[in-house]
């Protein structure tokens, strides 16, 4: 069970979560939002699992995914391109 946090601790937890989200690739974040908008009400079946896996694979194989992996392996900061 999740325990409620006092106000200051909650603010700190939210700020840590937001900081982590802001580190993500902009395009990948957009694709995640699109996926979350597209799946409500759909049954969790083979079609949904395939669709989700395909979307994730396409995002990882894209430019941002390659940059994320390269930056991790090279131990450097990520260089996300601004969204157009």
PDB file of N, CA and C in Angstrom:
ATOM      1  N   UNK A   1       0.834  -1.185   0.000  1.00  0.00           N
ATOM      2  CA  UNK A   1       0.000   0.000   0.000  1.00  0.00           C
ATOM      3  C   UNK A   1       0.873   1.241   0.000  1.00  0.00           C
ATOM      4  N   UNK A   2       0.502   2.226  -0.745  1.00  0.00           N
ATOM      5  CA  UNK A   2       1.249   3.481  -0.815  1.00  0.00           C
ATOM      6  C   UNK A   2       0.894   4.342   0.387  1.00  0.00           C
ATOM      7  N   UNK A   3       1.916   4.834   1.057  1.00  0.00           N
ATOM      8  CA  UNK A   3       1.712   5.692   2.220  1.00  0.00           C
ATOM      9  C   UNK A   3       1.686   7.150   1.784  1.00  0.00           C
ATOM     10  N   UNK A   4       0.746   7.946   2.299  1.00  0.00           N
ATOM     11  CA  UNK A   4       0.725   9.372   1.958  1.00  0.00           C
ATOM     12  C   UNK A   4       1.978  10.071   2.497  1.00  0.00           C
ATOM     13  N   UNK A   5       2.414  11.084   1.781  1.00  0.00           N
ATOM     14  CA  UNK A   5       3.590  11.845   2.190  1.00  0.00           C
ATOM     15  C   UNK A   5       3.176  13.204   2.734  1.00  0.00           C
ATOM     16  N   UNK A   6       3.899  13.697   3.747  1.00  0.00           N
ATOM     17  CA  UNK A   6       3.648  15.067   4.196  1.00  0.00           C
ATOM     18  C   UNK A   6       3.946  16.046   3.050  1.00  0.00           C
ATOM     19  N   UNK A   7       3.379  17.244   3.129  1.00  0.00           N
ATOM     20  CA  UNK A   7       3.481  18.236   2.059  1.00  0.00           C
ATOM     21  C   UNK A   7       4.866  18.438   1.481  1.00  0.00           C
ATOM     22  N   UNK A   8       5.869  18.690   2.312  1.00  0.00           N
ATOM     23  CA  UNK A   8       7.227  18.959   1.824  1.00  0.00           C
ATOM     24  C   UNK A   8       7.804  17.730   1.136  1.00  0.00           C
ATOM     25  N   UNK A   9       7.567  16.561   1.695  1.00  0.00           N
ATOM     26  CA  UNK A   9       8.073  15.343   1.081  1.00  0.00           C
ATOM     27  C   UNK A   9       7.374  15.071  -0.245  1.00  0.00           C
ATOM     28  N   UNK A  10       6.084  15.379  -0.294  1.00  0.00           N
ATOM     29  CA  UNK A  10       5.336  15.199  -1.537  1.00  0.00           C
ATOM     30  C   UNK A  10       5.900  16.119  -2.616  1.00  0.00           C
ATOM     31  N   UNK A  11       6.136  17.379  -2.267  1.00  0.00           N
ATOM     32  CA  UNK A  11       6.719  18.318  -3.233  1.00  0.00           C
ATOM     33  C   UNK A  11       8.063  17.810  -3.742  1.00  0.00           C
ATOM     34  N   UNK A  12       8.899  17.308  -2.840  1.00  0.00           N
ATOM     35  CA  UNK A  12      10.203  16.768  -3.244  1.00  0.00           C
ATOM     36  C   UNK A  12      10.038  15.570  -4.175  1.00  0.00           C
ATOM     37  N   UNK A  13       9.108  14.690  -3.843  1.00  0.00           N
ATOM     38  CA  UNK A  13       8.875  13.499  -4.671  1.00  0.00           C
ATOM     39  C   UNK A  13       8.377  13.899  -6.064  1.00  0.00           C
ATOM     40  N   UNK A  14       7.461  14.844  -6.118  1.00  0.00           N
ATOM     41  CA  UNK A  14       6.940  15.322  -7.405  1.00  0.00           C
ATOM     42  C   UNK A  14       8.055  15.973  -8.209  1.00  0.00           C
ATOM     43  N   UNK A  15       8.868  16.782  -7.583  1.00  0.00           N
ATOM     44  CA  UNK A  15       9.972  17.436  -8.288  1.00  0.00           C
ATOM     45  C   UNK A  15      10.990  16.433  -8.817  1.00  0.00           C
ATOM     46  N   UNK A  16      11.270  15.380  -8.048  1.00  0.00           N
ATOM     47  CA  UNK A  16      12.177  14.337  -8.542  1.00  0.00           C
ATOM     48  C   UNK A  16      11.578  13.621  -9.753  1.00  0.00           C
ATOM     49  N   UNK A  17      10.292  13.341  -9.684  1.00  0.00           N
ATOM     50  CA  UNK A  17       9.615  12.661 -10.796  1.00  0.00           C
ATOM     51  C   UNK A  17       9.609  13.551 -12.037  1.00  0.00           C
ATOM     52  N   UNK A  18       9.289  14.816 -11.864  1.00  0.00           N
ATOM     53  CA  UNK A  18       9.292  15.742 -13.002  1.00  0.00           C
ATOM     54  C   UNK A  18      10.691  15.882 -13.587  1.00  0.00           C
ATOM     55  N   UNK A  19      11.696  15.948 -12.730  1.00  0.00           N
ATOM     56  CA  UNK A  19      13.075  16.038 -13.211  1.00  0.00           C
ATOM     57  C   UNK A  19      13.442  14.837 -14.060  1.00  0.00           C
ATOM     58  N   UNK A  20      13.024  13.658 -13.636  1.00  0.00           N
ATOM     59  CA  UNK A  20      13.310  12.445 -14.405  1.00  0.00           C
ATOM     60  C   UNK A  20      12.574  12.475 -15.744  1.00  0.00           C
ATOM     61  N   UNK A  21      11.326  12.905 -15.741  1.00  0.00           N
ATOM     62  CA  UNK A  21      10.561  12.984 -16.990  1.00  0.00           C
ATOM     63  C   UNK A  21      11.183  13.982 -17.966  1.00  0.00           C
ATOM     64  N   UNK A  22      11.686  15.072 -17.447  1.00  0.00           N
ATOM     65  CA  UNK A  22      12.286  16.096 -18.308  1.00  0.00           C
ATOM     66  C   UNK A  22      13.594  15.637 -18.942  1.00  0.00           C
ATOM     67  N   UNK A  23      14.185  14.568 -18.428  1.00  0.00           N
ATOM     68  CA  UNK A  23      15.410  14.027 -19.006  1.00  0.00           C
ATOM     69  C   UNK A  23      15.121  13.188 -20.256  1.00  0.00           C
ATOM     70  N   UNK A  24      13.871  12.824 -20.443  1.00  0.00           N
ATOM     71  CA  UNK A  24      13.500  11.945 -21.554  1.00  0.00           C
ATOM     72  C   UNK A  24      13.560  12.637 -22.897  1.00  0.00           C
ATOM     73  N   UNK A  25      13.650  11.823 -23.926  1.00  0.00           N
ATOM     74  CA  UNK A  25      13.677  12.325 -25.297  1.00  0.00           C
ATOM     75  C   UNK A  25      12.308  12.903 -25.650  1.00  0.00           C
ATOM     76  N   UNK A  26      12.272  14.098 -26.214  1.00  0.00           N
ATOM     77  CA  UNK A  26      10.987  14.743 -26.518  1.00  0.00           C
ATOM     78  C   UNK A  26      10.084  13.903 -27.426  1.00  0.00           C
ATOM     79  N   UNK A  27      10.642  13.331 -28.467  1.00  0.00           N
ATOM     80  CA  UNK A  27       9.832  12.528 -29.380  1.00  0.00           C
ATOM     81  C   UNK A  27       9.291  11.274 -28.716  1.00  0.00           C
ATOM     82  N   UNK A  28      10.120  10.636 -27.898  1.00  0.00           N
ATOM     83  CA  UNK A  28       9.691   9.438 -27.183  1.00  0.00           C
ATOM     84  C   UNK A  28       8.582   9.779 -26.191  1.00  0.00           C
ATOM     85  N   UNK A  29       8.693  10.938 -25.559  1.00  0.00           N
ATOM     86  CA  UNK A  29       7.642  11.364 -24.632  1.00  0.00           C
ATOM     87  C   UNK A  29       6.332  11.588 -25.387  1.00  0.00           C
ATOM     88  N   UNK A  30       6.418  12.191 -26.559  1.00  0.00           N
ATOM     89  CA  UNK A  30       5.217  12.401 -27.378  1.00  0.00           C
ATOM     90  C   UNK A  30       4.586  11.078 -27.772  1.00  0.00           C
ATOM     91  N   UNK A  31       5.419  10.112 -28.158  1.00  0.00           N
ATOM     92  CA  UNK A  31       4.905   8.793 -28.537  1.00  0.00           C
ATOM     93  C   UNK A  31       4.275   8.083 -27.339  1.00  0.00           C
ATOM     94  N   UNK A  32       4.857   8.263 -26.165  1.00  0.00           N
ATOM     95  CA  UNK A  32       4.291   7.674 -24.949  1.00  0.00           C
ATOM     96  C   UNK A  32       2.915   8.264 -24.673  1.00  0.00           C
ATOM     97  N   UNK A  33       2.794   9.573 -24.800  1.00  0.00           N
ATOM     98  CA  UNK A  33       1.494  10.221 -24.594  1.00  0.00           C
ATOM     99  C   UNK A  33       0.477   9.720 -25.607  1.00  0.00           C
ATOM    100  N   UNK A  34       0.900   9.575 -26.858  1.00  0.00           N
ATOM    101  CA  UNK A  34      -0.007   9.076 -27.896  1.00  0.00           C
ATOM    102  C   UNK A  34      -0.478   7.662 -27.547  1.00  0.00           C
ATOM    103  N   UNK A  35       0.437   6.810 -27.126  1.00  0.00           N
ATOM    104  CA  UNK A  35       0.076   5.447 -26.744  1.00  0.00           C
ATOM    105  C   UNK A  35      -0.929   5.462 -25.593  1.00  0.00           C
ATOM    106  N   UNK A  36      -0.671   6.299 -24.590  1.00  0.00           N
ATOM    107  CA  UNK A  36      -1.569   6.362 -23.440  1.00  0.00           C
ATOM    108  C   UNK A  36      -2.961   6.884 -23.816  1.00  0.00           C
ATOM    109  N   UNK A  37      -3.031   7.734 -24.833  1.00  0.00           N
ATOM    110  CA  UNK A  37      -4.333   8.209 -25.315  1.00  0.00           C
ATOM    111  C   UNK A  37      -5.046   7.137 -26.131  1.00  0.00           C
ATOM    112  N   UNK A  38      -4.286   6.299 -26.825  1.00  0.00           N
ATOM    113  CA  UNK A  38      -4.870   5.316 -27.739  1.00  0.00           C
ATOM    114  C   UNK A  38      -5.355   4.029 -27.067  1.00  0.00           C
ATOM    115  N   UNK A  39      -4.858   3.697 -25.877  1.00  0.00           N
ATOM    116  CA  UNK A  39      -5.166   2.378 -25.321  1.00  0.00           C
ATOM    117  C   UNK A  39      -6.359   2.294 -24.372  1.00  0.00           C
ATOM    118  N   UNK A  40      -6.836   3.397 -23.787  1.00  0.00           N
ATOM    119  CA  UNK A  40      -7.964   3.223 -22.854  1.00  0.00           C
ATOM    120  C   UNK A  40      -9.157   2.542 -23.527  1.00  0.00           C
ATOM    121  N   UNK A  41      -9.728   1.610 -22.803  1.00  0.00           N
ATOM    122  CA  UNK A  41     -10.899   0.906 -23.298  1.00  0.00           C
ATOM    123  C   UNK A  41     -10.579  -0.298 -24.165  1.00  0.00           C
ATOM    124  N   UNK A  42      -9.326  -0.423 -24.594  1.00  0.00           N
ATOM    125  CA  UNK A  42      -8.966  -1.586 -25.410  1.00  0.00           C
ATOM    126  C   UNK A  42      -8.668  -2.767 -24.492  1.00  0.00           C
ATOM    127  N   UNK A  43      -9.080  -3.951 -24.908  1.00  0.00           N
ATOM    128  CA  UNK A  43      -8.755  -5.122 -24.093  1.00  0.00           C
ATOM    129  C   UNK A  43      -7.255  -5.429 -24.188  1.00  0.00           C
ATOM    130  N   UNK A  44      -6.712  -5.936 -23.110  1.00  0.00           N
ATOM    131  CA  UNK A  44      -5.305  -6.331 -23.124  1.00  0.00           C
ATOM    132  C   UNK A  44      -5.248  -7.710 -23.774  1.00  0.00           C
ATOM    133  N   UNK A  45      -5.030  -7.688 -25.077  1.00  0.00           N
ATOM    134  CA  UNK A  45      -4.993  -8.927 -25.848  1.00  0.00           C
ATOM    135  C   UNK A  45      -3.736  -8.932 -26.717  1.00  0.00           C
ATOM    136  N   UNK A  46      -3.593  -9.954 -27.532  1.00  0.00           N
ATOM    137  CA  UNK A  46      -2.400 -10.083 -28.373  1.00  0.00           C
ATOM    138  C   UNK A  46      -2.230  -8.887 -29.311  1.00  0.00           C
ATOM    139  N   UNK A  47      -3.330  -8.364 -29.830  1.00  0.00           N
ATOM    140  CA  UNK A  47      -3.249  -7.226 -30.754  1.00  0.00           C
ATOM    141  C   UNK A  47      -2.692  -5.989 -30.053  1.00  0.00           C
ATOM    142  N   UNK A  48      -3.159  -5.721 -28.839  1.00  0.00           N
ATOM    143  CA  UNK A  48      -2.659  -4.564 -28.092  1.00  0.00           C
ATOM    144  C   UNK A  48      -1.190  -4.755 -27.724  1.00  0.00           C
ATOM    145  N   UNK A  49      -0.837  -5.951 -27.313  1.00  0.00           N
ATOM    146  CA  UNK A  49       0.558  -6.233 -26.954  1.00  0.00           C
ATOM    147  C   UNK A  49       1.465  -6.056 -28.172  1.00  0.00           C
ATOM    148  N   UNK A  50       1.055  -6.572 -29.329  1.00  0.00           N
ATOM    149  CA  UNK A  50       1.851  -6.403 -30.558  1.00  0.00           C
ATOM    150  C   UNK A  50       1.971  -4.933 -30.939  1.00  0.00           C
ATOM    151  N   UNK A  51       0.853  -4.207 -30.876  1.00  0.00           N
ATOM    152  CA  UNK A  51       0.856  -2.784 -31.229  1.00  0.00           C
ATOM    153  C   UNK A  51       1.802  -2.008 -30.310  1.00  0.00           C
ATOM    154  N   UNK A  52       1.709  -2.265 -29.025  1.00  0.00           N
ATOM    155  CA  UNK A  52       2.568  -1.571 -28.058  1.00  0.00           C
ATOM    156  C   UNK A  52       4.033  -1.914 -28.293  1.00  0.00           C
ATOM    157  N   UNK A  53       4.338  -3.193 -28.486  1.00  0.00           N
ATOM    158  CA  UNK A  53       5.721  -3.613 -28.726  1.00  0.00           C
ATOM    159  C   UNK A  53       6.269  -2.980 -30.000  1.00  0.00           C
ATOM    160  N   UNK A  54       5.438  -2.906 -31.043  1.00  0.00           N
ATOM    161  CA  UNK A  54       5.880  -2.309 -32.299  1.00  0.00           C
ATOM    162  C   UNK A  54       6.181  -0.826 -32.124  1.00  0.00           C
ATOM    163  N   UNK A  55       5.323  -0.126 -31.416  1.00  0.00           N
ATOM    164  CA  UNK A  55       5.549   1.308 -31.179  1.00  0.00           C
ATOM    165  C   UNK A  55       6.843   1.537 -30.406  1.00  0.00           C
ATOM    166  N   UNK A  56       7.056   0.732 -29.376  1.00  0.00           N
ATOM    167  CA  UNK A  56       8.273   0.877 -28.569  1.00  0.00           C
ATOM    168  C   UNK A  56       9.506   0.577 -29.419  1.00  0.00           C
ATOM    169  N   UNK A  57       9.449  -0.477 -30.210  1.00  0.00           N
ATOM    170  CA  UNK A  57      10.589  -0.843 -31.061  1.00  0.00           C
ATOM    171  C   UNK A  57      10.905   0.261 -32.062  1.00  0.00           C
ATOM    172  N   UNK A  58       9.879   0.847 -32.671  1.00  0.00           N
ATOM    173  CA  UNK A  58      10.102   1.925 -33.640  1.00  0.00           C
ATOM    174  C   UNK A  58      10.745   3.136 -32.972  1.00  0.00           C
ATOM    175  N   UNK A  59      10.294   3.459 -31.781  1.00  0.00           N
ATOM    176  CA  UNK A  59      10.858   4.603 -31.063  1.00  0.00           C
ATOM    177  C   UNK A  59      12.312   4.339 -30.688  1.00  0.00           C
ATOM    178  N   UNK A  60      12.608   3.146 -30.193  1.00  0.00           N
ATOM    179  CA  UNK A  60      13.986   2.808 -29.806  1.00  0.00           C
ATOM    180  C   UNK A  60      14.924   2.775 -31.008  1.00  0.00           C
ATOM    181  N   UNK A  61      14.402   2.376 -32.168  1.00  0.00           N
ATOM    182  CA  UNK A  61      15.241   2.289 -33.373  1.00  0.00           C
ATOM    183  C   UNK A  61      15.430   3.638 -34.042  1.00  0.00           C
ATOM    184  N   UNK A  62      14.670   4.636 -33.612  1.00  0.00           N
ATOM    185  CA  UNK A  62      14.756   5.962 -34.211  1.00  0.00           C
ATOM    186  C   UNK A  62      15.985   6.729 -33.743  1.00  0.00           C
ATOM    187  N   UNK A  63      16.102   7.939 -34.257  1.00  0.00           N
ATOM    188  CA  UNK A  63      17.261   8.783 -33.957  1.00  0.00           C
ATOM    189  C   UNK A  63      17.437   9.023 -32.459  1.00  0.00           C
ATOM    190  N   UNK A  64      16.348   9.330 -31.762  1.00  0.00           N
ATOM    191  CA  UNK A  64      16.458   9.575 -30.322  1.00  0.00           C
ATOM    192  C   UNK A  64      16.883   8.315 -29.572  1.00  0.00           C
ATOM    193  N   UNK A  65      16.353   7.186 -29.966  1.00  0.00           N
ATOM    194  CA  UNK A  65      16.731   5.933 -29.318  1.00  0.00           C
ATOM    195  C   UNK A  65      18.203   5.634 -29.496  1.00  0.00           C
ATOM    196  N   UNK A  66      18.679   5.835 -30.725  1.00  0.00           N
ATOM    197  CA  UNK A  66      20.109   5.600 -30.987  1.00  0.00           C
ATOM    198  C   UNK A  66      20.968   6.581 -30.196  1.00  0.00           C
ATOM    199  N   UNK A  67      20.529   7.839 -30.115  1.00  0.00           N
ATOM    200  CA  UNK A  67      21.280   8.839 -29.339  1.00  0.00           C
ATOM    201  C   UNK A  67      21.287   8.468 -27.862  1.00  0.00           C
ATOM    202  N   UNK A  68      20.169   8.013 -27.346  1.00  0.00           N
ATOM    203  CA  UNK A  68      20.104   7.626 -25.933  1.00  0.00           C
ATOM    204  C   UNK A  68      21.055   6.485 -25.615  1.00  0.00           C
ATOM    205  N   UNK A  69      21.080   5.479 -26.470  1.00  0.00           N
ATOM    206  CA  UNK A  69      21.983   4.341 -26.252  1.00  0.00           C
ATOM    207  C   UNK A  69      23.434   4.776 -26.386  1.00  0.00           C
ATOM    208  N   UNK A  70      23.733   5.582 -27.418  1.00  0.00           N
ATOM    209  CA  UNK A  70      25.115   6.048 -27.617  1.00  0.00           C
ATOM    210  C   UNK A  70      25.587   6.880 -26.428  1.00  0.00           C
ATOM    211  N   UNK A  71      24.731   7.775 -25.944  1.00  0.00           N
ATOM    212  CA  UNK A  71      25.139   8.624 -24.816  1.00  0.00           C
ATOM    213  C   UNK A  71      25.378   7.783 -23.563  1.00  0.00           C
ATOM    214  N   UNK A  72      24.568   6.748 -23.371  1.00  0.00           N
ATOM    215  CA  UNK A  72      24.764   5.856 -22.221  1.00  0.00           C
ATOM    216  C   UNK A  72      26.103   5.135 -22.338  1.00  0.00           C
ATOM    217  N   UNK A  73      26.354   4.550 -23.494  1.00  0.00           N
ATOM    218  CA  UNK A  73      27.595   3.788 -23.678  1.00  0.00           C
ATOM    219  C   UNK A  73      28.834   4.678 -23.613  1.00  0.00           C
ATOM    220  N   UNK A  74      28.696   5.917 -24.096  1.00  0.00           N
ATOM    221  CA  UNK A  74      29.821   6.856 -24.096  1.00  0.00           C
ATOM    222  C   UNK A  74      29.908   7.662 -22.802  1.00  0.00           C
ATOM    223  N   UNK A  75      28.975   7.396 -21.885  1.00  0.00           N
ATOM    224  CA  UNK A  75      28.941   8.081 -20.586  1.00  0.00           C
ATOM    225  C   UNK A  75      28.960   9.599 -20.745  1.00  0.00           C
ATOM    226  N   UNK A  76      28.030  10.097 -21.562  1.00  0.00           N
ATOM    227  CA  UNK A  76      27.917  11.538 -21.785  1.00  0.00           C
ATOM    228  C   UNK A  76      26.450  11.936 -21.743  1.00  0.00           C
ATOM    229  N   UNK A  77      26.228  13.238 -21.671  1.00  0.00           N
ATOM    230  CA  UNK A  77      24.854  13.756 -21.664  1.00  0.00           C
ATOM    231  C   UNK A  77      24.198  13.522 -23.028  1.00  0.00           C
ATOM    232  N   UNK A  78      22.898  13.317 -22.989  1.00  0.00           N
ATOM    233  CA  UNK A  78      22.147  13.138 -24.221  1.00  0.00           C
ATOM    234  C   UNK A  78      22.006  14.460 -24.957  1.00  0.00           C
ATOM    235  N   UNK A  79      21.987  14.375 -26.264  1.00  0.00           N
ATOM    236  CA  UNK A  79      21.812  15.586 -27.094  1.00  0.00           C
ATOM    237  C   UNK A  79      20.534  15.412 -27.906  1.00  0.00           C
ATOM    238  N   UNK A  80      19.417  15.736 -27.275  1.00  0.00           N
ATOM    239  CA  UNK A  80      18.138  15.623 -27.977  1.00  0.00           C
ATOM    240  C   UNK A  80      17.997  16.796 -28.925  1.00  0.00           C
ATOM    241  N   UNK A  81      17.497  16.527 -30.097  1.00  0.00           N
ATOM    242  CA  UNK A  81      17.215  17.600 -31.052  1.00  0.00           C
ATOM    243  C   UNK A  81      15.899  18.264 -30.642  1.00  0.00           C
ATOM    244  N   UNK A  82      15.827  19.587 -30.792  1.00  0.00           N
ATOM    245  CA  UNK A  82      14.554  20.251 -30.482  1.00  0.00           C
ATOM    246  C   UNK A  82      13.444  19.747 -31.411  1.00  0.00           C
ATOM    247  N   UNK A  83      12.237  19.654 -30.875  1.00  0.00           N
ATOM    248  CA  UNK A  83      11.099  19.226 -31.682  1.00  0.00           C
ATOM    249  C   UNK A  83      10.714  20.334 -32.653  1.00  0.00           C
ATOM    250  N   UNK A  84      10.373  19.935 -33.862  1.00  0.00           N
ATOM    251  CA  UNK A  84       9.971  20.923 -34.878  1.00  0.00           C
ATOM    252  C   UNK A  84       8.478  20.925 -35.032  1.00  0.00           C
TER     253      UNK A  84
END
